[in-house]
């Protein structure tokens, strides 16, 4: 039975450059999502955070995906 590799993104240098670019873009997008989440949660009052079951100390963990509820 033959197997086809589907994880290869390209040939040689061009493929590696494309993979690095995609990785950088993904990292920047994740950083920006965390930044926006952190900003939005920080704008809430302590009462509003308590209403959704969070505290100020949870904001960074939520923004970076380390704490899920």
PDB file of N, CA and C in Angstrom:
ATOM      1  N   UNK A   1       0.846  -1.175   0.000  1.00  0.00           N
ATOM      2  CA  UNK A   1       0.000   0.000   0.000  1.00  0.00           C
ATOM      3  C   UNK A   1       0.890   1.236   0.000  1.00  0.00           C
ATOM      4  N   UNK A   2       0.583   2.211  -0.787  1.00  0.00           N
ATOM      5  CA  UNK A   2       1.365   3.434  -0.889  1.00  0.00           C
ATOM      6  C   UNK A   2       0.855   4.464   0.113  1.00  0.00           C
ATOM      7  N   UNK A   3       1.775   5.281   0.627  1.00  0.00           N
ATOM      8  CA  UNK A   3       1.418   6.358   1.551  1.00  0.00           C
ATOM      9  C   UNK A   3       1.799   7.682   0.928  1.00  0.00           C
ATOM     10  N   UNK A   4       0.970   8.657   1.150  1.00  0.00           N
ATOM     11  CA  UNK A   4       1.232   9.989   0.632  1.00  0.00           C
ATOM     12  C   UNK A   4       1.445  10.924   1.813  1.00  0.00           C
ATOM     13  N   UNK A   5       2.555  11.628   1.794  1.00  0.00           N
ATOM     14  CA  UNK A   5       2.839  12.580   2.855  1.00  0.00           C
ATOM     15  C   UNK A   5       2.104  13.879   2.558  1.00  0.00           C
ATOM     16  N   UNK A   6       1.248  14.304   3.508  1.00  0.00           N
ATOM     17  CA  UNK A   6       0.454  15.511   3.280  1.00  0.00           C
ATOM     18  C   UNK A   6       0.935  16.693   4.109  1.00  0.00           C
ATOM     19  N   UNK A   7       1.985  16.507   4.903  1.00  0.00           N
ATOM     20  CA  UNK A   7       2.458  17.600   5.745  1.00  0.00           C
ATOM     21  C   UNK A   7       3.545  18.429   5.084  1.00  0.00           C
ATOM     22  N   UNK A   8       4.038  18.000   3.961  1.00  0.00           N
ATOM     23  CA  UNK A   8       5.098  18.724   3.255  1.00  0.00           C
ATOM     24  C   UNK A   8       4.495  19.936   2.566  1.00  0.00           C
ATOM     25  N   UNK A   9       5.054  21.134   2.852  1.00  0.00           N
ATOM     26  CA  UNK A   9       4.448  22.363   2.328  1.00  0.00           C
ATOM     27  C   UNK A   9       5.069  22.837   1.031  1.00  0.00           C
ATOM     28  N   UNK A  10       6.153  22.275   0.617  1.00  0.00           N
ATOM     29  CA  UNK A  10       6.779  22.733  -0.614  1.00  0.00           C
ATOM     30  C   UNK A  10       8.130  22.067  -0.793  1.00  0.00           C
ATOM     31  N   UNK A  11       8.836  22.467  -1.800  1.00  0.00           N
ATOM     32  CA  UNK A  11      10.120  21.863  -2.092  1.00  0.00           C
ATOM     33  C   UNK A  11      11.242  22.833  -1.775  1.00  0.00           C
ATOM     34  N   UNK A  12      12.242  22.338  -1.077  1.00  0.00           N
ATOM     35  CA  UNK A  12      13.459  23.103  -0.853  1.00  0.00           C
ATOM     36  C   UNK A  12      13.278  24.390  -0.085  1.00  0.00           C
ATOM     37  N   UNK A  13      14.064  25.353  -0.471  1.00  0.00           N
ATOM     38  CA  UNK A  13      14.135  26.631   0.227  1.00  0.00           C
ATOM     39  C   UNK A  13      12.803  27.378   0.209  1.00  0.00           C
ATOM     40  N   UNK A  14      12.116  27.367  -0.897  1.00  0.00           N
ATOM     41  CA  UNK A  14      10.847  28.088  -1.003  1.00  0.00           C
ATOM     42  C   UNK A  14       9.834  27.531  -0.004  1.00  0.00           C
ATOM     43  N   UNK A  15       9.774  26.221   0.114  1.00  0.00           N
ATOM     44  CA  UNK A  15       8.855  25.599   1.057  1.00  0.00           C
ATOM     45  C   UNK A  15       9.192  25.946   2.495  1.00  0.00           C
ATOM     46  N   UNK A  16      10.496  25.957   2.807  1.00  0.00           N
ATOM     47  CA  UNK A  16      10.912  26.308   4.166  1.00  0.00           C
ATOM     48  C   UNK A  16      10.624  27.770   4.478  1.00  0.00           C
ATOM     49  N   UNK A  17      10.837  28.650   3.523  1.00  0.00           N
ATOM     50  CA  UNK A  17      10.534  30.067   3.732  1.00  0.00           C
ATOM     51  C   UNK A  17       9.030  30.243   3.951  1.00  0.00           C
ATOM     52  N   UNK A  18       8.234  29.538   3.177  1.00  0.00           N
ATOM     53  CA  UNK A  18       6.782  29.599   3.345  1.00  0.00           C
ATOM     54  C   UNK A  18       6.353  29.106   4.711  1.00  0.00           C
ATOM     55  N   UNK A  19       6.978  28.038   5.192  1.00  0.00           N
ATOM     56  CA  UNK A  19       6.648  27.506   6.514  1.00  0.00           C
ATOM     57  C   UNK A  19       7.019  28.486   7.612  1.00  0.00           C
ATOM     58  N   UNK A  20       8.181  29.101   7.495  1.00  0.00           N
ATOM     59  CA  UNK A  20       8.609  30.088   8.491  1.00  0.00           C
ATOM     60  C   UNK A  20       7.660  31.285   8.476  1.00  0.00           C
ATOM     61  N   UNK A  21       7.314  31.750   7.297  1.00  0.00           N
ATOM     62  CA  UNK A  21       6.391  32.883   7.179  1.00  0.00           C
ATOM     63  C   UNK A  21       5.041  32.547   7.811  1.00  0.00           C
ATOM     64  N   UNK A  22       4.522  31.364   7.524  1.00  0.00           N
ATOM     65  CA  UNK A  22       3.238  30.953   8.089  1.00  0.00           C
ATOM     66  C   UNK A  22       3.321  30.869   9.616  1.00  0.00           C
ATOM     67  N   UNK A  23       4.436  30.396  10.127  1.00  0.00           N
ATOM     68  CA  UNK A  23       4.628  30.298  11.566  1.00  0.00           C
ATOM     69  C   UNK A  23       4.670  31.680  12.212  1.00  0.00           C
ATOM     70  N   UNK A  24       5.369  32.617  11.581  1.00  0.00           N
ATOM     71  CA  UNK A  24       5.454  33.980  12.106  1.00  0.00           C
ATOM     72  C   UNK A  24       4.082  34.643  12.088  1.00  0.00           C
ATOM     73  N   UNK A  25       3.363  34.491  10.992  1.00  0.00           N
ATOM     74  CA  UNK A  25       2.027  35.077  10.888  1.00  0.00           C
ATOM     75  C   UNK A  25       1.113  34.491  11.969  1.00  0.00           C
ATOM     76  N   UNK A  26       1.185  33.195  12.184  1.00  0.00           N
ATOM     77  CA  UNK A  26       0.371  32.559  13.222  1.00  0.00           C
ATOM     78  C   UNK A  26       0.714  33.066  14.609  1.00  0.00           C
ATOM     79  N   UNK A  27       2.000  33.250  14.873  1.00  0.00           N
ATOM     80  CA  UNK A  27       2.427  33.767  16.175  1.00  0.00           C
ATOM     81  C   UNK A  27       1.949  35.194  16.399  1.00  0.00           C
ATOM     82  N   UNK A  28       2.052  36.022  15.387  1.00  0.00           N
ATOM     83  CA  UNK A  28       1.596  37.409  15.500  1.00  0.00           C
ATOM     84  C   UNK A  28       0.081  37.446  15.706  1.00  0.00           C
ATOM     85  N   UNK A  29      -0.650  36.615  15.003  1.00  0.00           N
ATOM     86  CA  UNK A  29      -2.108  36.574  15.158  1.00  0.00           C
ATOM     87  C   UNK A  29      -2.493  36.128  16.573  1.00  0.00           C
ATOM     88  N   UNK A  30      -1.806  35.127  17.109  1.00  0.00           N
ATOM     89  CA  UNK A  30      -2.088  34.653  18.470  1.00  0.00           C
ATOM     90  C   UNK A  30      -1.768  35.739  19.492  1.00  0.00           C
ATOM     91  N   UNK A  31      -0.643  36.441  19.298  1.00  0.00           N
ATOM     92  CA  UNK A  31      -0.272  37.528  20.205  1.00  0.00           C
ATOM     93  C   UNK A  31      -1.334  38.628  20.178  1.00  0.00           C
ATOM     94  N   UNK A  32      -1.806  38.974  18.986  1.00  0.00           N
ATOM     95  CA  UNK A  32      -2.799  40.037  18.858  1.00  0.00           C
ATOM     96  C   UNK A  32      -4.131  39.627  19.485  1.00  0.00           C
ATOM     97  N   UNK A  33      -4.531  38.384  19.309  1.00  0.00           N
ATOM     98  CA  UNK A  33      -5.765  37.905  19.941  1.00  0.00           C
ATOM     99  C   UNK A  33      -5.664  37.996  21.462  1.00  0.00           C
ATOM    100  N   UNK A  34      -4.517  37.584  22.007  1.00  0.00           N
ATOM    101  CA  UNK A  34      -4.308  37.651  23.458  1.00  0.00           C
ATOM    102  C   UNK A  34      -4.314  39.106  23.933  1.00  0.00           C
ATOM    103  N   UNK A  35      -3.702  39.990  23.169  1.00  0.00           N
ATOM    104  CA  UNK A  35      -3.663  41.411  23.519  1.00  0.00           C
ATOM    105  C   UNK A  35      -5.072  41.998  23.572  1.00  0.00           C
ATOM    106  N   UNK A  36      -5.892  41.680  22.567  1.00  0.00           N
ATOM    107  CA  UNK A  36      -7.259  42.211  22.525  1.00  0.00           C
ATOM    108  C   UNK A  36      -8.112  41.637  23.658  1.00  0.00           C
ATOM    109  N   UNK A  37      -7.941  40.364  23.942  1.00  0.00           N
ATOM    110  CA  UNK A  37      -8.684  39.735  25.040  1.00  0.00           C
ATOM    111  C   UNK A  37      -8.292  40.368  26.370  1.00  0.00           C
ATOM    112  N   UNK A  38      -6.978  40.529  26.584  1.00  0.00           N
ATOM    113  CA  UNK A  38      -6.481  41.137  27.813  1.00  0.00           C
ATOM    114  C   UNK A  38      -7.033  42.564  27.975  1.00  0.00           C
ATOM    115  N   UNK A  39      -7.046  43.324  26.890  1.00  0.00           N
ATOM    116  CA  UNK A  39      -7.538  44.704  26.934  1.00  0.00           C
ATOM    117  C   UNK A  39      -9.031  44.748  27.261  1.00  0.00           C
ATOM    118  N   UNK A  40      -9.811  43.873  26.623  1.00  0.00           N
ATOM    119  CA  UNK A  40     -11.256  43.854  26.856  1.00  0.00           C
ATOM    120  C   UNK A  40     -11.583  43.438  28.292  1.00  0.00           C
ATOM    121  N   UNK A  41     -10.918  42.415  28.795  1.00  0.00           N
ATOM    122  CA  UNK A  41     -11.185  41.974  30.166  1.00  0.00           C
ATOM    123  C   UNK A  41     -10.710  42.998  31.185  1.00  0.00           C
ATOM    124  N   UNK A  42      -9.607  43.658  30.906  1.00  0.00           N
ATOM    125  CA  UNK A  42      -9.086  44.673  31.824  1.00  0.00           C
ATOM    126  C   UNK A  42     -10.016  45.877  31.922  1.00  0.00           C
ATOM    127  N   UNK A  43     -10.792  46.115  30.896  1.00  0.00           N
ATOM    128  CA  UNK A  43     -11.717  47.243  30.898  1.00  0.00           C
ATOM    129  C   UNK A  43     -12.953  46.985  31.765  1.00  0.00           C
ATOM    130  N   UNK A  44     -13.190  45.735  32.127  1.00  0.00           N
ATOM    131  CA  UNK A  44     -14.347  45.401  32.961  1.00  0.00           C
ATOM    132  C   UNK A  44     -14.079  45.767  34.415  1.00  0.00           C
ATOM    133  N   UNK A  45     -15.144  46.056  35.145  1.00  0.00           N
ATOM    134  CA  UNK A  45     -15.014  46.322  36.576  1.00  0.00           C
ATOM    135  C   UNK A  45     -14.850  44.997  37.316  1.00  0.00           C
ATOM    136  N   UNK A  46     -14.427  45.075  38.573  1.00  0.00           N
ATOM    137  CA  UNK A  46     -14.298  43.859  39.379  1.00  0.00           C
ATOM    138  C   UNK A  46     -15.644  43.151  39.512  1.00  0.00           C
ATOM    139  N   UNK A  47     -16.699  43.902  39.609  1.00  0.00           N
ATOM    140  CA  UNK A  47     -18.048  43.335  39.714  1.00  0.00           C
ATOM    141  C   UNK A  47     -18.419  42.578  38.432  1.00  0.00           C
ATOM    142  N   UNK A  48     -18.121  43.182  37.289  1.00  0.00           N
ATOM    143  CA  UNK A  48     -18.425  42.531  36.012  1.00  0.00           C
ATOM    144  C   UNK A  48     -17.598  41.254  35.844  1.00  0.00           C
ATOM    145  N   UNK A  49     -16.334  41.312  36.240  1.00  0.00           N
ATOM    146  CA  UNK A  49     -15.508  40.102  36.176  1.00  0.00           C
ATOM    147  C   UNK A  49     -16.073  39.018  37.081  1.00  0.00           C
ATOM    148  N   UNK A  50     -16.500  39.405  38.286  1.00  0.00           N
ATOM    149  CA  UNK A  50     -17.078  38.441  39.219  1.00  0.00           C
ATOM    150  C   UNK A  50     -18.351  37.829  38.643  1.00  0.00           C
ATOM    151  N   UNK A  51     -19.126  38.625  37.930  1.00  0.00           N
ATOM    152  CA  UNK A  51     -20.363  38.123  37.311  1.00  0.00           C
ATOM    153  C   UNK A  51     -20.094  37.005  36.304  1.00  0.00           C
ATOM    154  N   UNK A  52     -18.933  37.045  35.648  1.00  0.00           N
ATOM    155  CA  UNK A  52     -18.603  35.990  34.675  1.00  0.00           C
ATOM    156  C   UNK A  52     -17.627  34.964  35.265  1.00  0.00           C
ATOM    157  N   UNK A  53     -17.445  35.031  36.590  1.00  0.00           N
ATOM    158  CA  UNK A  53     -16.654  34.021  37.280  1.00  0.00           C
ATOM    159  C   UNK A  53     -15.152  34.191  37.170  1.00  0.00           C
ATOM    160  N   UNK A  54     -14.703  35.429  36.988  1.00  0.00           N
ATOM    161  CA  UNK A  54     -13.273  35.695  36.862  1.00  0.00           C
ATOM    162  C   UNK A  54     -12.830  36.714  37.898  1.00  0.00           C
ATOM    163  N   UNK A  55     -11.526  36.768  38.112  1.00  0.00           N
ATOM    164  CA  UNK A  55     -10.936  37.821  38.933  1.00  0.00           C
ATOM    165  C   UNK A  55      -9.847  38.484  38.109  1.00  0.00           C
ATOM    166  N   UNK A  56      -9.335  39.600  38.582  1.00  0.00           N
ATOM    167  CA  UNK A  56      -8.266  40.297  37.857  1.00  0.00           C
ATOM    168  C   UNK A  56      -7.065  39.389  37.636  1.00  0.00           C
ATOM    169  N   UNK A  57      -6.780  38.523  38.586  1.00  0.00           N
ATOM    170  CA  UNK A  57      -5.644  37.620  38.474  1.00  0.00           C
ATOM    171  C   UNK A  57      -5.791  36.576  37.380  1.00  0.00           C
ATOM    172  N   UNK A  58      -7.006  36.359  36.904  1.00  0.00           N
ATOM    173  CA  UNK A  58      -7.252  35.365  35.854  1.00  0.00           C
ATOM    174  C   UNK A  58      -7.043  35.914  34.444  1.00  0.00           C
ATOM    175  N   UNK A  59      -6.972  37.227  34.305  1.00  0.00           N
ATOM    176  CA  UNK A  59      -6.982  37.849  32.980  1.00  0.00           C
ATOM    177  C   UNK A  59      -5.844  37.361  32.091  1.00  0.00           C
ATOM    178  N   UNK A  60      -4.619  37.377  32.595  1.00  0.00           N
ATOM    179  CA  UNK A  60      -3.486  36.966  31.763  1.00  0.00           C
ATOM    180  C   UNK A  60      -3.591  35.499  31.354  1.00  0.00           C
ATOM    181  N   UNK A  61      -3.995  34.649  32.294  1.00  0.00           N
ATOM    182  CA  UNK A  61      -4.116  33.221  31.988  1.00  0.00           C
ATOM    183  C   UNK A  61      -5.217  32.964  30.957  1.00  0.00           C
ATOM    184  N   UNK A  62      -6.309  33.685  31.054  1.00  0.00           N
ATOM    185  CA  UNK A  62      -7.393  33.542  30.077  1.00  0.00           C
ATOM    186  C   UNK A  62      -6.921  34.021  28.710  1.00  0.00           C
ATOM    187  N   UNK A  63      -6.262  35.172  28.672  1.00  0.00           N
ATOM    188  CA  UNK A  63      -5.823  35.764  27.405  1.00  0.00           C
ATOM    189  C   UNK A  63      -4.831  34.870  26.666  1.00  0.00           C
ATOM    190  N   UNK A  64      -3.992  34.174  27.410  1.00  0.00           N
ATOM    191  CA  UNK A  64      -2.978  33.324  26.778  1.00  0.00           C
ATOM    192  C   UNK A  64      -3.425  31.876  26.634  1.00  0.00           C
ATOM    193  N   UNK A  65      -4.642  31.570  27.066  1.00  0.00           N
ATOM    194  CA  UNK A  65      -5.181  30.224  26.885  1.00  0.00           C
ATOM    195  C   UNK A  65      -4.705  29.222  27.923  1.00  0.00           C
ATOM    196  N   UNK A  66      -4.087  29.688  28.991  1.00  0.00           N
ATOM    197  CA  UNK A  66      -3.611  28.759  30.021  1.00  0.00           C
ATOM    198  C   UNK A  66      -4.683  28.406  31.024  1.00  0.00           C
ATOM    199  N   UNK A  67      -5.760  29.160  31.068  1.00  0.00           N
ATOM    200  CA  UNK A  67      -6.847  28.908  32.002  1.00  0.00           C
ATOM    201  C   UNK A  67      -8.144  28.872  31.210  1.00  0.00           C
ATOM    202  N   UNK A  68      -8.833  27.782  31.281  1.00  0.00           N
ATOM    203  CA  UNK A  68     -10.127  27.679  30.612  1.00  0.00           C
ATOM    204  C   UNK A  68     -11.165  27.287  31.646  1.00  0.00           C
ATOM    205  N   UNK A  69     -12.333  27.788  31.469  1.00  0.00           N
ATOM    206  CA  UNK A  69     -13.421  27.472  32.411  1.00  0.00           C
ATOM    207  C   UNK A  69     -14.643  27.097  31.649  1.00  0.00           C
TER     208      UNK A  69
END
